[in-house]
Amino acid sequence: MAIGSGSKSIVDLHKAAEVDDYIYDHLLTEDKLFAEILERCSQHPIPLIHVSPAQGKFLKLLVQMMGAKRVLEIGTLAAYSTIWMASALPEDGQCITLDFDEKHVAIARDNIEFAGMSHKIEVIQG
């Protein structure tokens, strides 16, 4: 099918479905650590504005593709996206995340410790 032709064949739709199946089977599988972090977040009265698991994996992929050694995140909340990005960094990588809310900072630090990422992530309040 040519781009912009306006029609799709059955074969094109079948291929698209195969690609979707591959993505869900290989890229969107549940990660127990991140599922547990989301569960821990649900126990706190924080806004439900964290990224989705698919968005977290996408952030991780972007950090990996860039070969980043450092990440700066503005707005930590519970550190869910922070941990996704830090998990893509090399062992000597560093993620600095900023949040002004004292409660968010405390929850974030707890989740970072739980994830075993304290050596890569620094949370700054302010």
N, C-alpha and C. Protein backbone atom coordinates (compact mmCIF):
# COMPACT_ATOMS: atom_id res chain seq x y z
N MET A 1 0.84 -1.19 0.00
CA MET A 1 0.00 0.00 0.00
C MET A 1 0.88 1.24 0.00
N ALA A 2 0.58 2.17 -0.85
CA ALA A 2 1.32 3.42 -0.89
C ALA A 2 0.82 4.35 0.20
N ILE A 3 1.72 5.10 0.75
CA ILE A 3 1.33 6.05 1.78
C ILE A 3 0.39 7.09 1.17
N GLY A 4 -0.71 7.32 1.84
CA GLY A 4 -1.66 8.32 1.37
C GLY A 4 -2.62 7.82 0.31
N SER A 5 -2.60 6.53 0.00
CA SER A 5 -3.50 6.01 -1.04
C SER A 5 -4.94 5.95 -0.57
N GLY A 6 -5.16 5.98 0.74
CA GLY A 6 -6.51 6.02 1.26
C GLY A 6 -7.22 4.69 1.34
N SER A 7 -6.58 3.61 0.95
CA SER A 7 -7.23 2.30 1.06
C SER A 7 -6.25 1.31 1.68
N LYS A 8 -6.82 0.36 2.37
CA LYS A 8 -6.01 -0.68 3.01
C LYS A 8 -6.49 -2.02 2.52
N SER A 9 -5.57 -2.89 2.25
CA SER A 9 -5.95 -4.24 1.86
C SER A 9 -6.07 -5.10 3.11
N ILE A 10 -6.67 -6.24 2.95
CA ILE A 10 -6.78 -7.20 4.05
C ILE A 10 -5.39 -7.59 4.53
N VAL A 11 -4.45 -7.72 3.60
CA VAL A 11 -3.08 -8.09 3.95
C VAL A 11 -2.45 -7.01 4.84
N ASP A 12 -2.66 -5.74 4.49
CA ASP A 12 -2.12 -4.64 5.29
C ASP A 12 -2.68 -4.67 6.70
N LEU A 13 -3.98 -4.89 6.83
CA LEU A 13 -4.60 -4.94 8.15
C LEU A 13 -4.10 -6.13 8.94
N HIS A 14 -3.86 -7.25 8.27
CA HIS A 14 -3.33 -8.44 8.94
C HIS A 14 -1.92 -8.15 9.48
N LYS A 15 -1.11 -7.50 8.66
CA LYS A 15 0.25 -7.15 9.10
C LYS A 15 0.20 -6.19 10.29
N ALA A 16 -0.69 -5.23 10.25
CA ALA A 16 -0.82 -4.29 11.36
C ALA A 16 -1.21 -5.02 12.64
N ALA A 17 -2.11 -5.99 12.52
CA ALA A 17 -2.52 -6.78 13.69
C ALA A 17 -1.35 -7.59 14.22
N GLU A 18 -0.53 -8.12 13.32
CA GLU A 18 0.65 -8.89 13.74
C GLU A 18 1.64 -7.99 14.49
N VAL A 19 1.82 -6.78 14.00
CA VAL A 19 2.71 -5.84 14.67
C VAL A 19 2.17 -5.51 16.06
N ASP A 20 0.87 -5.23 16.14
CA ASP A 20 0.25 -4.96 17.44
C ASP A 20 0.43 -6.13 18.40
N ASP A 21 0.21 -7.34 17.91
CA ASP A 21 0.39 -8.53 18.75
C ASP A 21 1.82 -8.64 19.25
N TYR A 22 2.78 -8.37 18.37
CA TYR A 22 4.19 -8.43 18.76
C TYR A 22 4.49 -7.40 19.86
N ILE A 23 3.99 -6.19 19.67
CA ILE A 23 4.22 -5.13 20.66
C ILE A 23 3.66 -5.54 22.01
N TYR A 24 2.42 -6.01 22.03
CA TYR A 24 1.81 -6.39 23.30
C TYR A 24 2.51 -7.60 23.93
N ASP A 25 2.94 -8.54 23.12
CA ASP A 25 3.58 -9.74 23.65
C ASP A 25 5.00 -9.49 24.14
N HIS A 26 5.72 -8.58 23.49
CA HIS A 26 7.14 -8.41 23.81
C HIS A 26 7.48 -7.10 24.52
N LEU A 27 6.72 -6.08 24.27
CA LEU A 27 7.05 -4.78 24.86
C LEU A 27 6.15 -4.38 26.01
N LEU A 28 4.94 -4.89 26.04
CA LEU A 28 3.99 -4.45 27.06
C LEU A 28 3.69 -5.53 28.08
N THR A 29 4.59 -6.48 28.22
CA THR A 29 4.39 -7.50 29.24
C THR A 29 4.48 -6.85 30.61
N GLU A 30 3.76 -7.42 31.56
CA GLU A 30 3.74 -6.83 32.90
C GLU A 30 5.10 -7.01 33.58
N ASP A 31 5.54 -5.97 34.20
CA ASP A 31 6.77 -6.00 34.98
C ASP A 31 6.35 -5.98 36.44
N LYS A 32 6.71 -7.01 37.18
CA LYS A 32 6.24 -7.14 38.57
C LYS A 32 6.69 -5.99 39.46
N LEU A 33 7.91 -5.52 39.27
CA LEU A 33 8.40 -4.40 40.07
C LEU A 33 7.51 -3.17 39.88
N PHE A 34 7.22 -2.84 38.63
CA PHE A 34 6.45 -1.64 38.36
C PHE A 34 4.98 -1.81 38.74
N ALA A 35 4.47 -3.02 38.63
CA ALA A 35 3.10 -3.29 39.11
C ALA A 35 3.03 -3.08 40.62
N GLU A 36 4.06 -3.51 41.32
CA GLU A 36 4.10 -3.33 42.78
C GLU A 36 4.24 -1.84 43.14
N ILE A 37 5.03 -1.12 42.38
CA ILE A 37 5.17 0.32 42.65
C ILE A 37 3.83 1.02 42.45
N LEU A 38 3.10 0.67 41.40
CA LEU A 38 1.77 1.26 41.20
C LEU A 38 0.84 0.92 42.35
N GLU A 39 0.93 -0.31 42.84
CA GLU A 39 0.11 -0.71 43.98
C GLU A 39 0.47 0.12 45.21
N ARG A 40 1.76 0.33 45.43
CA ARG A 40 2.21 1.14 46.56
C ARG A 40 1.71 2.58 46.41
N CYS A 41 1.71 3.09 45.19
CA CYS A 41 1.23 4.46 44.94
C CYS A 41 -0.25 4.60 45.26
N SER A 42 -1.01 3.56 44.99
CA SER A 42 -2.46 3.62 45.22
C SER A 42 -2.80 3.72 46.71
N GLN A 43 -1.84 3.46 47.57
CA GLN A 43 -2.06 3.52 49.01
C GLN A 43 -1.86 4.93 49.57
N HIS A 44 -1.54 5.88 48.69
CA HIS A 44 -1.30 7.26 49.13
C HIS A 44 -2.27 8.20 48.42
N PRO A 45 -2.64 9.27 49.10
CA PRO A 45 -3.54 10.25 48.48
C PRO A 45 -2.79 11.20 47.54
N ILE A 46 -2.35 10.67 46.41
CA ILE A 46 -1.64 11.50 45.44
C ILE A 46 -2.47 11.54 44.15
N PRO A 47 -2.28 12.56 43.34
CA PRO A 47 -3.03 12.64 42.08
C PRO A 47 -2.72 11.44 41.18
N LEU A 48 -3.71 10.98 40.46
CA LEU A 48 -3.52 9.85 39.54
C LEU A 48 -3.08 10.39 38.19
N ILE A 49 -1.88 10.93 38.16
CA ILE A 49 -1.36 11.54 36.94
C ILE A 49 -0.05 10.89 36.49
N HIS A 50 0.26 9.73 37.02
CA HIS A 50 1.50 9.05 36.63
C HIS A 50 1.37 8.53 35.20
N VAL A 51 2.49 8.23 34.58
CA VAL A 51 2.46 7.67 33.24
C VAL A 51 1.93 6.24 33.30
N SER A 52 1.45 5.75 32.18
CA SER A 52 0.98 4.37 32.11
C SER A 52 2.18 3.44 31.99
N PRO A 53 2.00 2.13 32.21
CA PRO A 53 3.12 1.20 32.00
C PRO A 53 3.68 1.28 30.58
N ALA A 54 2.82 1.42 29.58
CA ALA A 54 3.31 1.53 28.20
C ALA A 54 4.13 2.80 28.01
N GLN A 55 3.69 3.90 28.59
CA GLN A 55 4.44 5.15 28.50
C GLN A 55 5.76 5.04 29.25
N GLY A 56 5.76 4.35 30.39
CA GLY A 56 6.99 4.13 31.13
C GLY A 56 8.00 3.35 30.32
N LYS A 57 7.53 2.29 29.66
CA LYS A 57 8.43 1.50 28.82
C LYS A 57 8.94 2.33 27.65
N PHE A 58 8.09 3.21 27.13
CA PHE A 58 8.53 4.08 26.04
C PHE A 58 9.60 5.05 26.52
N LEU A 59 9.42 5.63 27.70
CA LEU A 59 10.45 6.50 28.27
C LEU A 59 11.77 5.75 28.44
N LYS A 60 11.68 4.52 28.93
CA LYS A 60 12.87 3.69 29.09
C LYS A 60 13.54 3.47 27.74
N LEU A 61 12.75 3.17 26.72
CA LEU A 61 13.29 2.94 25.38
C LEU A 61 13.99 4.20 24.86
N LEU A 62 13.38 5.36 25.06
CA LEU A 62 14.01 6.61 24.61
C LEU A 62 15.36 6.83 25.29
N VAL A 63 15.42 6.61 26.60
CA VAL A 63 16.67 6.78 27.34
C VAL A 63 17.72 5.80 26.81
N GLN A 64 17.31 4.55 26.55
CA GLN A 64 18.24 3.55 26.01
C GLN A 64 18.73 3.95 24.63
N MET A 65 17.81 4.37 23.76
CA MET A 65 18.18 4.71 22.38
C MET A 65 19.14 5.90 22.33
N MET A 66 18.97 6.83 23.26
CA MET A 66 19.85 8.00 23.31
C MET A 66 21.22 7.66 23.88
N GLY A 67 21.30 6.55 24.59
CA GLY A 67 22.55 6.22 25.28
C GLY A 67 22.82 7.20 26.40
N ALA A 68 21.77 7.70 27.00
CA ALA A 68 21.90 8.72 28.05
C ALA A 68 22.63 8.17 29.27
N LYS A 69 23.41 9.04 29.88
CA LYS A 69 24.04 8.71 31.16
C LYS A 69 23.43 9.53 32.28
N ARG A 70 22.73 10.60 31.92
CA ARG A 70 22.10 11.46 32.92
C ARG A 70 20.70 11.84 32.44
N VAL A 71 19.79 11.92 33.41
CA VAL A 71 18.41 12.33 33.13
C VAL A 71 18.02 13.37 34.17
N LEU A 72 17.33 14.42 33.73
CA LEU A 72 16.76 15.41 34.62
C LEU A 72 15.25 15.35 34.44
N GLU A 73 14.55 15.09 35.53
CA GLU A 73 13.09 15.03 35.50
C GLU A 73 12.54 16.14 36.38
N ILE A 74 11.60 16.89 35.86
CA ILE A 74 10.96 17.95 36.64
C ILE A 74 9.54 17.52 36.93
N GLY A 75 9.28 17.28 38.21
CA GLY A 75 7.98 16.76 38.65
C GLY A 75 8.09 15.27 38.91
N THR A 76 8.27 14.90 40.16
CA THR A 76 8.57 13.51 40.53
C THR A 76 7.33 12.70 40.83
N LEU A 77 6.38 13.30 41.53
CA LEU A 77 5.21 12.62 42.07
C LEU A 77 5.68 11.44 42.91
N ALA A 78 5.43 10.20 42.49
CA ALA A 78 5.82 9.03 43.29
C ALA A 78 7.03 8.31 42.69
N ALA A 79 7.67 8.92 41.71
CA ALA A 79 8.89 8.41 41.07
C ALA A 79 8.66 7.23 40.14
N TYR A 80 7.43 7.00 39.71
CA TYR A 80 7.16 5.88 38.81
C TYR A 80 7.90 6.05 37.48
N SER A 81 7.75 7.19 36.83
CA SER A 81 8.46 7.42 35.57
C SER A 81 9.96 7.55 35.81
N THR A 82 10.33 8.10 36.95
CA THR A 82 11.74 8.24 37.32
C THR A 82 12.43 6.88 37.32
N ILE A 83 11.78 5.92 37.93
CA ILE A 83 12.36 4.57 38.04
C ILE A 83 12.43 3.91 36.67
N TRP A 84 11.41 4.13 35.83
CA TRP A 84 11.48 3.60 34.46
C TRP A 84 12.72 4.14 33.75
N MET A 85 12.91 5.45 33.80
CA MET A 85 14.04 6.05 33.08
C MET A 85 15.37 5.62 33.68
N ALA A 86 15.46 5.60 35.00
CA ALA A 86 16.70 5.20 35.66
C ALA A 86 17.06 3.76 35.35
N SER A 87 16.05 2.92 35.13
CA SER A 87 16.33 1.51 34.83
C SER A 87 17.02 1.34 33.48
N ALA A 88 16.97 2.37 32.63
CA ALA A 88 17.64 2.31 31.34
C ALA A 88 19.06 2.86 31.39
N LEU A 89 19.42 3.50 32.48
CA LEU A 89 20.74 4.11 32.59
C LEU A 89 21.80 3.06 32.91
N PRO A 90 23.04 3.31 32.49
CA PRO A 90 24.12 2.41 32.90
C PRO A 90 24.33 2.48 34.41
N GLU A 91 25.08 1.55 34.95
CA GLU A 91 25.29 1.50 36.40
C GLU A 91 25.84 2.81 36.96
N ASP A 92 26.65 3.51 36.16
CA ASP A 92 27.20 4.78 36.64
C ASP A 92 26.35 5.98 36.22
N GLY A 93 25.15 5.72 35.69
CA GLY A 93 24.25 6.79 35.28
C GLY A 93 23.60 7.47 36.47
N GLN A 94 23.04 8.64 36.22
CA GLN A 94 22.42 9.41 37.29
C GLN A 94 21.14 10.06 36.79
N CYS A 95 20.10 9.97 37.61
CA CYS A 95 18.83 10.63 37.34
C CYS A 95 18.55 11.58 38.50
N ILE A 96 18.37 12.84 38.17
CA ILE A 96 18.00 13.83 39.17
C ILE A 96 16.56 14.21 38.90
N THR A 97 15.75 14.17 39.94
CA THR A 97 14.34 14.51 39.81
C THR A 97 13.95 15.55 40.84
N LEU A 98 13.12 16.49 40.44
CA LEU A 98 12.75 17.62 41.28
C LEU A 98 11.25 17.62 41.57
N ASP A 99 10.89 17.89 42.81
CA ASP A 99 9.48 18.06 43.17
C ASP A 99 9.41 19.02 44.35
N PHE A 100 8.38 19.84 44.37
CA PHE A 100 8.23 20.82 45.45
C PHE A 100 7.43 20.28 46.62
N ASP A 101 6.65 19.22 46.42
CA ASP A 101 5.75 18.71 47.45
C ASP A 101 6.46 17.73 48.37
N GLU A 102 6.49 18.05 49.65
CA GLU A 102 7.19 17.23 50.65
C GLU A 102 6.65 15.81 50.70
N LYS A 103 5.33 15.64 50.58
CA LYS A 103 4.73 14.31 50.62
C LYS A 103 5.14 13.49 49.40
N HIS A 104 5.14 14.12 48.23
CA HIS A 104 5.56 13.42 47.02
C HIS A 104 7.01 12.97 47.13
N VAL A 105 7.85 13.85 47.65
CA VAL A 105 9.27 13.53 47.81
C VAL A 105 9.45 12.32 48.72
N ALA A 106 8.72 12.27 49.82
CA ALA A 106 8.82 11.14 50.75
C ALA A 106 8.37 9.84 50.09
N ILE A 107 7.25 9.88 49.37
CA ILE A 107 6.75 8.68 48.68
C ILE A 107 7.74 8.26 47.60
N ALA A 108 8.26 9.23 46.86
CA ALA A 108 9.22 8.94 45.80
C ALA A 108 10.47 8.26 46.36
N ARG A 109 11.01 8.81 47.42
CA ARG A 109 12.22 8.22 48.01
C ARG A 109 11.96 6.79 48.48
N ASP A 110 10.79 6.56 49.04
CA ASP A 110 10.42 5.21 49.48
C ASP A 110 10.34 4.25 48.29
N ASN A 111 9.72 4.70 47.20
CA ASN A 111 9.61 3.84 46.01
C ASN A 111 10.97 3.60 45.36
N ILE A 112 11.80 4.60 45.35
CA ILE A 112 13.14 4.47 44.78
C ILE A 112 13.96 3.45 45.58
N GLU A 113 13.88 3.54 46.89
CA GLU A 113 14.56 2.57 47.76
C GLU A 113 14.01 1.16 47.50
N PHE A 114 12.68 1.04 47.42
CA PHE A 114 12.04 -0.25 47.16
C PHE A 114 12.52 -0.85 45.84
N ALA A 115 12.71 0.00 44.83
CA ALA A 115 13.14 -0.47 43.51
C ALA A 115 14.64 -0.74 43.44
N GLY A 116 15.37 -0.41 44.50
CA GLY A 116 16.82 -0.61 44.49
C GLY A 116 17.55 0.36 43.57
N MET A 117 17.03 1.57 43.43
CA MET A 117 17.59 2.55 42.50
C MET A 117 18.21 3.75 43.20
N SER A 118 18.40 3.68 44.51
CA SER A 118 18.94 4.83 45.24
C SER A 118 20.32 5.25 44.75
N HIS A 119 21.07 4.32 44.22
CA HIS A 119 22.42 4.65 43.73
C HIS A 119 22.38 5.44 42.42
N LYS A 120 21.23 5.44 41.72
CA LYS A 120 21.13 6.14 40.44
C LYS A 120 20.26 7.39 40.50
N ILE A 121 19.39 7.49 41.52
CA ILE A 121 18.39 8.55 41.54
C ILE A 121 18.58 9.46 42.74
N GLU A 122 18.59 10.76 42.47
CA GLU A 122 18.62 11.77 43.53
C GLU A 122 17.34 12.59 43.44
N VAL A 123 16.61 12.66 44.54
CA VAL A 123 15.38 13.45 44.60
C VAL A 123 15.70 14.75 45.31
N ILE A 124 15.37 15.85 44.67
CA ILE A 124 15.59 17.17 45.25
C ILE A 124 14.24 17.84 45.45
N GLN A 125 14.02 18.31 46.68
CA GLN A 125 12.78 19.03 46.97
C GLN A 125 13.03 20.52 46.80
N GLY A 126 12.13 21.15 46.10
CA GLY A 126 12.25 22.59 45.94
C GLY A 126 11.76 23.08 44.61
